[in-house]
């Protein structure tokens, strides 16, 4: 999944307002996020491969099915 570079440049961490970068998620994290969001996708399997990591506080925000 590709995140538009212009969008990535304006996104910021909601907590500390620093920039975020695209990172791959570990398999166990992808599985946990998929399990958490499965009900909300009404029969579709949520796609979870990457996340946005804050460069300052290092929180990671998973990208679920391009959202």
N, C-alpha and C. Protein backbone atom coordinates (compact mmCIF):
# COMPACT_ATOMS: atom_id res chain seq x y z
N UNK A 1 0.85 -1.16 0.00
CA UNK A 1 0.00 0.00 0.00
C UNK A 1 0.89 1.22 0.00
N UNK A 2 0.57 2.18 -0.80
CA UNK A 2 1.39 3.37 -0.91
C UNK A 2 0.69 4.56 -0.25
N UNK A 3 1.43 5.26 0.58
CA UNK A 3 0.91 6.47 1.19
C UNK A 3 1.45 7.65 0.38
N UNK A 4 0.57 8.53 -0.02
CA UNK A 4 0.94 9.69 -0.81
C UNK A 4 1.97 10.52 -0.04
N UNK A 5 3.07 10.87 -0.68
CA UNK A 5 4.15 11.61 -0.04
C UNK A 5 3.68 12.98 0.46
N UNK A 6 2.82 13.64 -0.28
CA UNK A 6 2.30 14.94 0.16
C UNK A 6 1.48 14.80 1.44
N UNK A 7 0.69 13.74 1.53
CA UNK A 7 -0.09 13.49 2.73
C UNK A 7 0.83 13.19 3.91
N UNK A 8 1.83 12.37 3.69
CA UNK A 8 2.78 12.01 4.74
C UNK A 8 3.48 13.26 5.29
N UNK A 9 3.74 14.22 4.45
CA UNK A 9 4.42 15.44 4.88
C UNK A 9 3.57 16.32 5.79
N UNK A 10 2.25 16.22 5.69
CA UNK A 10 1.40 17.06 6.54
C UNK A 10 0.84 16.33 7.76
N UNK A 11 0.96 15.01 7.79
CA UNK A 11 0.48 14.25 8.94
C UNK A 11 1.39 14.50 10.14
N UNK A 12 0.80 14.47 11.34
CA UNK A 12 1.57 14.66 12.57
C UNK A 12 1.01 13.77 13.66
N UNK A 13 1.85 13.45 14.63
CA UNK A 13 1.43 12.67 15.80
C UNK A 13 0.36 13.48 16.55
N UNK A 14 -0.78 12.88 16.86
CA UNK A 14 -1.82 13.63 17.56
C UNK A 14 -1.44 14.00 19.00
N UNK A 15 -0.46 13.32 19.57
CA UNK A 15 -0.07 13.62 20.95
C UNK A 15 0.98 14.71 21.06
N UNK A 16 2.08 14.57 20.31
CA UNK A 16 3.18 15.54 20.48
C UNK A 16 3.35 16.44 19.26
N UNK A 17 2.55 16.23 18.23
CA UNK A 17 2.53 17.08 17.03
C UNK A 17 3.80 17.01 16.18
N UNK A 18 4.64 16.02 16.37
CA UNK A 18 5.84 15.85 15.56
C UNK A 18 5.50 15.07 14.29
N UNK A 19 6.44 15.05 13.36
CA UNK A 19 6.22 14.34 12.10
C UNK A 19 6.18 12.83 12.33
N UNK A 20 5.58 12.13 11.39
CA UNK A 20 5.51 10.68 11.43
C UNK A 20 6.18 10.11 10.18
N UNK A 21 6.62 8.86 10.30
CA UNK A 21 7.24 8.19 9.15
C UNK A 21 6.58 6.82 8.99
N UNK A 22 6.60 6.32 7.79
CA UNK A 22 6.01 5.03 7.45
C UNK A 22 6.95 3.91 7.89
N UNK A 23 6.42 2.92 8.61
CA UNK A 23 7.23 1.79 9.08
C UNK A 23 6.45 0.48 8.89
N UNK A 24 7.15 -0.62 8.65
CA UNK A 24 6.48 -1.92 8.59
C UNK A 24 6.12 -2.37 10.01
N UNK A 25 5.04 -3.12 10.13
CA UNK A 25 4.63 -3.65 11.44
C UNK A 25 5.07 -5.10 11.57
N UNK A 26 5.44 -5.48 12.77
CA UNK A 26 5.81 -6.87 13.06
C UNK A 26 4.57 -7.75 12.89
N UNK A 27 4.78 -9.00 12.55
CA UNK A 27 3.67 -9.93 12.30
C UNK A 27 2.70 -10.02 13.48
N UNK A 28 3.21 -10.09 14.71
CA UNK A 28 2.32 -10.21 15.87
C UNK A 28 1.47 -8.94 16.05
N UNK A 29 2.02 -7.79 15.73
CA UNK A 29 1.26 -6.54 15.81
C UNK A 29 0.19 -6.50 14.72
N UNK A 30 0.54 -6.95 13.50
CA UNK A 30 -0.44 -6.98 12.41
C UNK A 30 -1.60 -7.89 12.76
N UNK A 31 -1.30 -9.05 13.33
CA UNK A 31 -2.34 -10.00 13.71
C UNK A 31 -3.26 -9.42 14.78
N UNK A 32 -2.68 -8.78 15.79
CA UNK A 32 -3.47 -8.18 16.86
C UNK A 32 -4.40 -7.09 16.34
N UNK A 33 -3.89 -6.25 15.45
CA UNK A 33 -4.71 -5.17 14.89
C UNK A 33 -5.80 -5.74 14.00
N UNK A 34 -5.48 -6.73 13.18
CA UNK A 34 -6.50 -7.38 12.33
C UNK A 34 -7.62 -7.96 13.19
N UNK A 35 -7.24 -8.66 14.27
CA UNK A 35 -8.25 -9.26 15.15
C UNK A 35 -9.14 -8.19 15.79
N UNK A 36 -8.54 -7.07 16.16
CA UNK A 36 -9.28 -5.99 16.80
C UNK A 36 -10.31 -5.36 15.86
N UNK A 37 -9.97 -5.21 14.59
CA UNK A 37 -10.84 -4.51 13.65
C UNK A 37 -11.68 -5.42 12.76
N UNK A 38 -11.55 -6.72 12.88
CA UNK A 38 -12.24 -7.66 11.99
C UNK A 38 -13.75 -7.45 11.99
N UNK A 39 -14.36 -7.26 13.15
CA UNK A 39 -15.82 -7.11 13.25
C UNK A 39 -16.31 -5.87 12.48
N UNK A 40 -15.54 -4.82 12.48
CA UNK A 40 -15.95 -3.56 11.86
C UNK A 40 -15.93 -3.61 10.34
N UNK A 41 -15.33 -4.64 9.75
CA UNK A 41 -15.20 -4.72 8.30
C UNK A 41 -16.24 -5.63 7.66
N UNK A 42 -17.21 -6.10 8.41
CA UNK A 42 -18.36 -6.85 7.90
C UNK A 42 -18.01 -7.90 6.87
N UNK A 43 -17.24 -8.87 7.29
CA UNK A 43 -16.93 -9.99 6.40
C UNK A 43 -15.67 -9.83 5.58
N UNK A 44 -15.15 -8.62 5.46
CA UNK A 44 -13.89 -8.41 4.76
C UNK A 44 -12.74 -8.55 5.74
N UNK A 45 -11.63 -9.04 5.27
CA UNK A 45 -10.44 -9.15 6.12
C UNK A 45 -9.69 -7.82 6.09
N UNK A 46 -9.51 -7.16 7.26
CA UNK A 46 -8.76 -5.91 7.26
C UNK A 46 -7.31 -6.13 6.84
N UNK A 47 -6.78 -5.21 6.06
CA UNK A 47 -5.40 -5.27 5.59
C UNK A 47 -4.54 -4.41 6.51
N UNK A 48 -3.54 -5.04 7.14
CA UNK A 48 -2.65 -4.32 8.05
C UNK A 48 -1.23 -4.72 7.72
N UNK A 49 -0.44 -3.79 7.22
CA UNK A 49 0.95 -4.08 6.88
C UNK A 49 1.91 -3.04 7.44
N UNK A 50 1.47 -1.77 7.46
CA UNK A 50 2.35 -0.69 7.85
C UNK A 50 1.69 0.20 8.90
N UNK A 51 2.50 1.07 9.46
CA UNK A 51 1.98 2.04 10.42
C UNK A 51 2.74 3.34 10.27
N UNK A 52 2.28 4.34 11.00
CA UNK A 52 2.95 5.62 11.04
C UNK A 52 3.58 5.76 12.42
N UNK A 53 4.89 5.95 12.46
CA UNK A 53 5.61 6.06 13.73
C UNK A 53 6.03 7.52 13.95
N UNK A 54 5.75 8.02 15.14
CA UNK A 54 6.17 9.37 15.49
C UNK A 54 7.68 9.39 15.70
N UNK A 55 8.34 10.39 15.14
CA UNK A 55 9.79 10.47 15.26
C UNK A 55 10.24 10.92 16.65
N UNK A 56 9.31 11.46 17.44
CA UNK A 56 9.67 11.94 18.77
C UNK A 56 9.28 10.96 19.88
N UNK A 57 8.00 10.61 19.96
CA UNK A 57 7.54 9.74 21.06
C UNK A 57 7.51 8.27 20.68
N UNK A 58 7.71 7.96 19.40
CA UNK A 58 7.80 6.59 18.87
C UNK A 58 6.51 5.78 18.98
N UNK A 59 5.39 6.46 19.17
CA UNK A 59 4.11 5.74 19.10
C UNK A 59 3.89 5.33 17.65
N UNK A 60 3.24 4.18 17.48
CA UNK A 60 2.96 3.70 16.13
C UNK A 60 1.45 3.61 15.95
N UNK A 61 0.99 4.22 14.88
CA UNK A 61 -0.42 4.23 14.53
C UNK A 61 -0.60 3.33 13.31
N UNK A 62 -1.20 2.14 13.50
CA UNK A 62 -1.36 1.20 12.38
C UNK A 62 -2.27 1.76 11.29
N UNK A 63 -1.95 1.42 10.06
CA UNK A 63 -2.79 1.76 8.92
C UNK A 63 -3.63 0.51 8.62
N UNK A 64 -4.95 0.64 8.75
CA UNK A 64 -5.85 -0.49 8.57
C UNK A 64 -6.66 -0.26 7.29
N UNK A 65 -6.43 -1.12 6.29
CA UNK A 65 -7.16 -1.03 5.02
C UNK A 65 -7.14 0.40 4.47
N UNK A 66 -5.94 0.96 4.38
CA UNK A 66 -5.70 2.30 3.83
C UNK A 66 -6.26 3.43 4.66
N UNK A 67 -6.65 3.18 5.89
CA UNK A 67 -7.17 4.24 6.77
C UNK A 67 -6.21 4.44 7.93
